[in-house]
């Protein structure tokens, strides 16, 4: 349940022995990042199966983001993660001000993930989230201290 079946088939992954955590952890993180990028770049209402899946059209807000719409965006992102990505628990998001580029919309997305194949080994997972001027969201794992 931790890695999506089609991703395992595509990567031809073999179950990893319980003593080795790092490869499994990397696979889980990649899977979550990939899924979150699809989720957060889907316009709400586009998938016919679920009208609540995805975010509102970001192209309209990206150029004119202000405090009120920024709070709404943060709330929408956290809500989507809570609803559709159960592997990423306790999501929280904060805007990061870039002194070199104050018009850039960057966020830090924090949460916990279970990196164990059996049991529960929870680890913090921090992502950098960027919203470009076209309304597209990209994610990458935050590394370092």
C-alpha atoms as a PDB file:
ATOM      1  CA  UNK A   1       0.000   0.000   0.000  1.00  0.00           C
ATOM      2  CA  UNK A   2       2.939   2.313   0.501  1.00  0.00           C
ATOM      3  CA  UNK A   3       4.077   2.403  -3.119  1.00  0.00           C
ATOM      4  CA  UNK A   4       1.495   2.385  -5.819  1.00  0.00           C
ATOM      5  CA  UNK A   5       1.227  -0.919  -7.705  1.00  0.00           C
ATOM      6  CA  UNK A   6       1.781   0.585 -11.155  1.00  0.00           C
ATOM      7  CA  UNK A   7       4.897   2.393  -9.922  1.00  0.00           C
ATOM      8  CA  UNK A   8       6.347  -0.884  -8.610  1.00  0.00           C
ATOM      9  CA  UNK A   9       5.580  -2.612 -11.902  1.00  0.00           C
ATOM     10  CA  UNK A  10       7.090   0.252 -13.904  1.00  0.00           C
ATOM     11  CA  UNK A  11      10.258   0.208 -11.815  1.00  0.00           C
ATOM     12  CA  UNK A  12      10.307  -3.598 -11.623  1.00  0.00           C
ATOM     13  CA  UNK A  13      10.870  -3.311  -7.908  1.00  0.00           C
ATOM     14  CA  UNK A  14      11.523  -6.413  -5.909  1.00  0.00           C
ATOM     15  CA  UNK A  15      10.371  -6.384  -2.270  1.00  0.00           C
ATOM     16  CA  UNK A  16      13.189  -5.043  -0.132  1.00  0.00           C
ATOM     17  CA  UNK A  17      14.297  -7.007   2.957  1.00  0.00           C
ATOM     18  CA  UNK A  18      13.141  -5.497   6.227  1.00  0.00           C
ATOM     19  CA  UNK A  19      16.644  -4.561   7.340  1.00  0.00           C
ATOM     20  CA  UNK A  20      17.158  -2.199   4.392  1.00  0.00           C
ATOM     21  CA  UNK A  21      15.181   0.986   4.827  1.00  0.00           C
ATOM     22  CA  UNK A  22      16.897   3.546   2.630  1.00  0.00           C
ATOM     23  CA  UNK A  23      15.856   2.203  -0.781  1.00  0.00           C
ATOM     24  CA  UNK A  24      12.276   1.781   0.368  1.00  0.00           C
ATOM     25  CA  UNK A  25      12.270   5.261   1.891  1.00  0.00           C
ATOM     26  CA  UNK A  26      13.532   6.761  -1.368  1.00  0.00           C
ATOM     27  CA  UNK A  27      10.832   4.910  -3.330  1.00  0.00           C
ATOM     28  CA  UNK A  28       8.114   6.124  -0.938  1.00  0.00           C
ATOM     29  CA  UNK A  29       9.310   9.727  -1.157  1.00  0.00           C
ATOM     30  CA  UNK A  30       9.478   9.653  -4.962  1.00  0.00           C
ATOM     31  CA  UNK A  31       6.028   8.140  -5.134  1.00  0.00           C
ATOM     32  CA  UNK A  32       4.554  10.785  -2.826  1.00  0.00           C
ATOM     33  CA  UNK A  33       6.219  13.669  -4.689  1.00  0.00           C
ATOM     34  CA  UNK A  34       5.027  12.312  -8.033  1.00  0.00           C
ATOM     35  CA  UNK A  35       1.469  11.870  -6.818  1.00  0.00           C
ATOM     36  CA  UNK A  36       1.347  15.281  -5.106  1.00  0.00           C
ATOM     37  CA  UNK A  37       2.545  17.004  -8.278  1.00  0.00           C
ATOM     38  CA  UNK A  38      -0.272  15.362 -10.238  1.00  0.00           C
ATOM     39  CA  UNK A  39      -2.818  16.154  -7.522  1.00  0.00           C
ATOM     40  CA  UNK A  40      -1.813  19.799  -7.072  1.00  0.00           C
ATOM     41  CA  UNK A  41      -1.576  20.451 -10.823  1.00  0.00           C
ATOM     42  CA  UNK A  42      -5.012  19.054 -11.586  1.00  0.00           C
ATOM     43  CA  UNK A  43      -7.688  21.679 -11.931  1.00  0.00           C
ATOM     44  CA  UNK A  44     -10.591  21.076  -9.573  1.00  0.00           C
ATOM     45  CA  UNK A  45     -13.546  19.619 -11.413  1.00  0.00           C
ATOM     46  CA  UNK A  46     -11.531  18.202 -14.338  1.00  0.00           C
ATOM     47  CA  UNK A  47     -11.627  14.540 -13.255  1.00  0.00           C
ATOM     48  CA  UNK A  48     -15.150  13.325 -13.897  1.00  0.00           C
ATOM     49  CA  UNK A  49     -14.928  10.753 -11.133  1.00  0.00           C
ATOM     50  CA  UNK A  50     -14.445  13.312  -8.310  1.00  0.00           C
ATOM     51  CA  UNK A  51     -15.411  16.992  -8.654  1.00  0.00           C
ATOM     52  CA  UNK A  52     -13.425  17.907  -5.500  1.00  0.00           C
ATOM     53  CA  UNK A  53     -10.111  16.456  -6.707  1.00  0.00           C
ATOM     54  CA  UNK A  54      -7.439  19.084  -7.429  1.00  0.00           C
ATOM     55  CA  UNK A  55      -6.960  22.789  -6.853  1.00  0.00           C
ATOM     56  CA  UNK A  56      -8.793  25.779  -8.298  1.00  0.00           C
ATOM     57  CA  UNK A  57      -7.318  27.169 -11.533  1.00  0.00           C
ATOM     58  CA  UNK A  58      -3.933  28.513 -10.423  1.00  0.00           C
ATOM     59  CA  UNK A  59      -3.207  30.471 -13.605  1.00  0.00           C
ATOM     60  CA  UNK A  60      -5.714  33.105 -12.538  1.00  0.00           C
ATOM     61  CA  UNK A  61      -4.323  33.507  -9.032  1.00  0.00           C
ATOM     62  CA  UNK A  62      -0.572  33.119  -9.624  1.00  0.00           C
ATOM     63  CA  UNK A  63      -0.126  36.617 -11.057  1.00  0.00           C
ATOM     64  CA  UNK A  64      -2.226  38.383  -8.443  1.00  0.00           C
ATOM     65  CA  UNK A  65      -1.648  36.398  -5.255  1.00  0.00           C
ATOM     66  CA  UNK A  66      -2.275  38.476  -2.139  1.00  0.00           C
ATOM     67  CA  UNK A  67      -2.569  37.634   1.571  1.00  0.00           C
ATOM     68  CA  UNK A  68      -6.194  36.439   1.453  1.00  0.00           C
ATOM     69  CA  UNK A  69      -5.811  34.261  -1.633  1.00  0.00           C
ATOM     70  CA  UNK A  70      -2.453  33.006  -0.317  1.00  0.00           C
ATOM     71  CA  UNK A  71      -4.129  31.731   2.868  1.00  0.00           C
ATOM     72  CA  UNK A  72      -6.847  30.096   0.764  1.00  0.00           C
ATOM     73  CA  UNK A  73      -4.222  28.446  -1.445  1.00  0.00           C
ATOM     74  CA  UNK A  74      -2.377  27.085   1.604  1.00  0.00           C
ATOM     75  CA  UNK A  75      -5.638  25.776   3.066  1.00  0.00           C
ATOM     76  CA  UNK A  76      -6.613  24.153  -0.258  1.00  0.00           C
ATOM     77  CA  UNK A  77      -3.243  22.416  -0.558  1.00  0.00           C
ATOM     78  CA  UNK A  78      -3.397  20.984   2.968  1.00  0.00           C
ATOM     79  CA  UNK A  79      -7.017  19.902   2.448  1.00  0.00           C
ATOM     80  CA  UNK A  80      -6.193  18.082  -0.804  1.00  0.00           C
ATOM     81  CA  UNK A  81      -3.288  16.249   0.838  1.00  0.00           C
ATOM     82  CA  UNK A  82      -5.451  15.205   3.785  1.00  0.00           C
ATOM     83  CA  UNK A  83      -8.149  13.903   1.451  1.00  0.00           C
ATOM     84  CA  UNK A  84      -6.138  12.228  -1.294  1.00  0.00           C
ATOM     85  CA  UNK A  85      -2.617  11.400  -0.080  1.00  0.00           C
ATOM     86  CA  UNK A  86      -2.971   9.409   3.127  1.00  0.00           C
ATOM     87  CA  UNK A  87       0.710   8.433   3.195  1.00  0.00           C
ATOM     88  CA  UNK A  88       1.645  12.074   3.932  1.00  0.00           C
ATOM     89  CA  UNK A  89       0.264  12.771   7.400  1.00  0.00           C
ATOM     90  CA  UNK A  90       0.067  15.951   9.476  1.00  0.00           C
ATOM     91  CA  UNK A  91       0.592  18.285   6.500  1.00  0.00           C
ATOM     92  CA  UNK A  92       1.406  21.910   7.240  1.00  0.00           C
ATOM     93  CA  UNK A  93       2.470  24.641   4.834  1.00  0.00           C
ATOM     94  CA  UNK A  94       4.233  27.991   5.261  1.00  0.00           C
ATOM     95  CA  UNK A  95       5.164  30.594   2.705  1.00  0.00           C
ATOM     96  CA  UNK A  96       8.898  31.194   2.294  1.00  0.00           C
ATOM     97  CA  UNK A  97       9.920  34.712   1.299  1.00  0.00           C
ATOM     98  CA  UNK A  98      12.746  34.718  -1.233  1.00  0.00           C
ATOM     99  CA  UNK A  99      14.806  37.898  -0.696  1.00  0.00           C
ATOM    100  CA  UNK A 100      16.385  37.572  -4.152  1.00  0.00           C
ATOM    101  CA  UNK A 101      13.018  37.191  -5.869  1.00  0.00           C
ATOM    102  CA  UNK A 102      10.211  38.618  -3.701  1.00  0.00           C
ATOM    103  CA  UNK A 103       7.586  37.981  -6.391  1.00  0.00           C
ATOM    104  CA  UNK A 104       8.269  34.221  -6.392  1.00  0.00           C
ATOM    105  CA  UNK A 105       5.733  32.066  -4.592  1.00  0.00           C
ATOM    106  CA  UNK A 106       7.552  29.439  -2.586  1.00  0.00           C
ATOM    107  CA  UNK A 107       6.312  27.339   0.266  1.00  0.00           C
ATOM    108  CA  UNK A 108       7.627  24.770   2.679  1.00  0.00           C
ATOM    109  CA  UNK A 109       5.380  21.743   3.017  1.00  0.00           C
ATOM    110  CA  UNK A 110       5.988  19.646   6.139  1.00  0.00           C
ATOM    111  CA  UNK A 111       4.514  16.361   7.211  1.00  0.00           C
ATOM    112  CA  UNK A 112       5.254  12.837   8.339  1.00  0.00           C
ATOM    113  CA  UNK A 113       5.567   9.659   6.283  1.00  0.00           C
ATOM    114  CA  UNK A 114       5.724   6.002   7.263  1.00  0.00           C
ATOM    115  CA  UNK A 115       8.901   4.585   5.732  1.00  0.00           C
ATOM    116  CA  UNK A 116       8.367   1.027   6.977  1.00  0.00           C
ATOM    117  CA  UNK A 117       6.913  -1.756   4.894  1.00  0.00           C
ATOM    118  CA  UNK A 118       5.477  -3.266   8.077  1.00  0.00           C
ATOM    119  CA  UNK A 119       4.724  -1.489  11.321  1.00  0.00           C
ATOM    120  CA  UNK A 120       5.100   2.236  11.630  1.00  0.00           C
ATOM    121  CA  UNK A 121       8.374   4.088  11.315  1.00  0.00           C
ATOM    122  CA  UNK A 122       7.400   7.721  10.985  1.00  0.00           C
ATOM    123  CA  UNK A 123       9.867  10.253   9.600  1.00  0.00           C
ATOM    124  CA  UNK A 124       9.525  13.960   8.913  1.00  0.00           C
ATOM    125  CA  UNK A 125       9.233  14.796   5.230  1.00  0.00           C
ATOM    126  CA  UNK A 126       9.814  18.376   4.082  1.00  0.00           C
ATOM    127  CA  UNK A 127       9.162  19.561   0.553  1.00  0.00           C
ATOM    128  CA  UNK A 128       9.857  22.827  -1.232  1.00  0.00           C
ATOM    129  CA  UNK A 129       6.815  23.844  -3.240  1.00  0.00           C
ATOM    130  CA  UNK A 130       7.076  26.439  -6.004  1.00  0.00           C
ATOM    131  CA  UNK A 131       4.221  28.104  -7.849  1.00  0.00           C
ATOM    132  CA  UNK A 132       5.280  29.534 -11.205  1.00  0.00           C
ATOM    133  CA  UNK A 133       3.624  32.427 -13.045  1.00  0.00           C
ATOM    134  CA  UNK A 134       1.630  29.993 -15.214  1.00  0.00           C
ATOM    135  CA  UNK A 135       0.032  28.458 -12.132  1.00  0.00           C
ATOM    136  CA  UNK A 136       2.061  25.235 -12.224  1.00  0.00           C
ATOM    137  CA  UNK A 137       3.258  23.729  -8.933  1.00  0.00           C
ATOM    138  CA  UNK A 138       6.557  21.869  -8.628  1.00  0.00           C
ATOM    139  CA  UNK A 139       7.831  19.953  -5.629  1.00  0.00           C
ATOM    140  CA  UNK A 140      11.238  18.808  -4.474  1.00  0.00           C
ATOM    141  CA  UNK A 141      12.491  17.341  -1.253  1.00  0.00           C
ATOM    142  CA  UNK A 142      14.176  19.819   1.048  1.00  0.00           C
ATOM    143  CA  UNK A 143      17.610  18.573   1.942  1.00  0.00           C
ATOM    144  CA  UNK A 144      20.109  19.655   4.550  1.00  0.00           C
ATOM    145  CA  UNK A 145      19.571  21.529   7.779  1.00  0.00           C
END
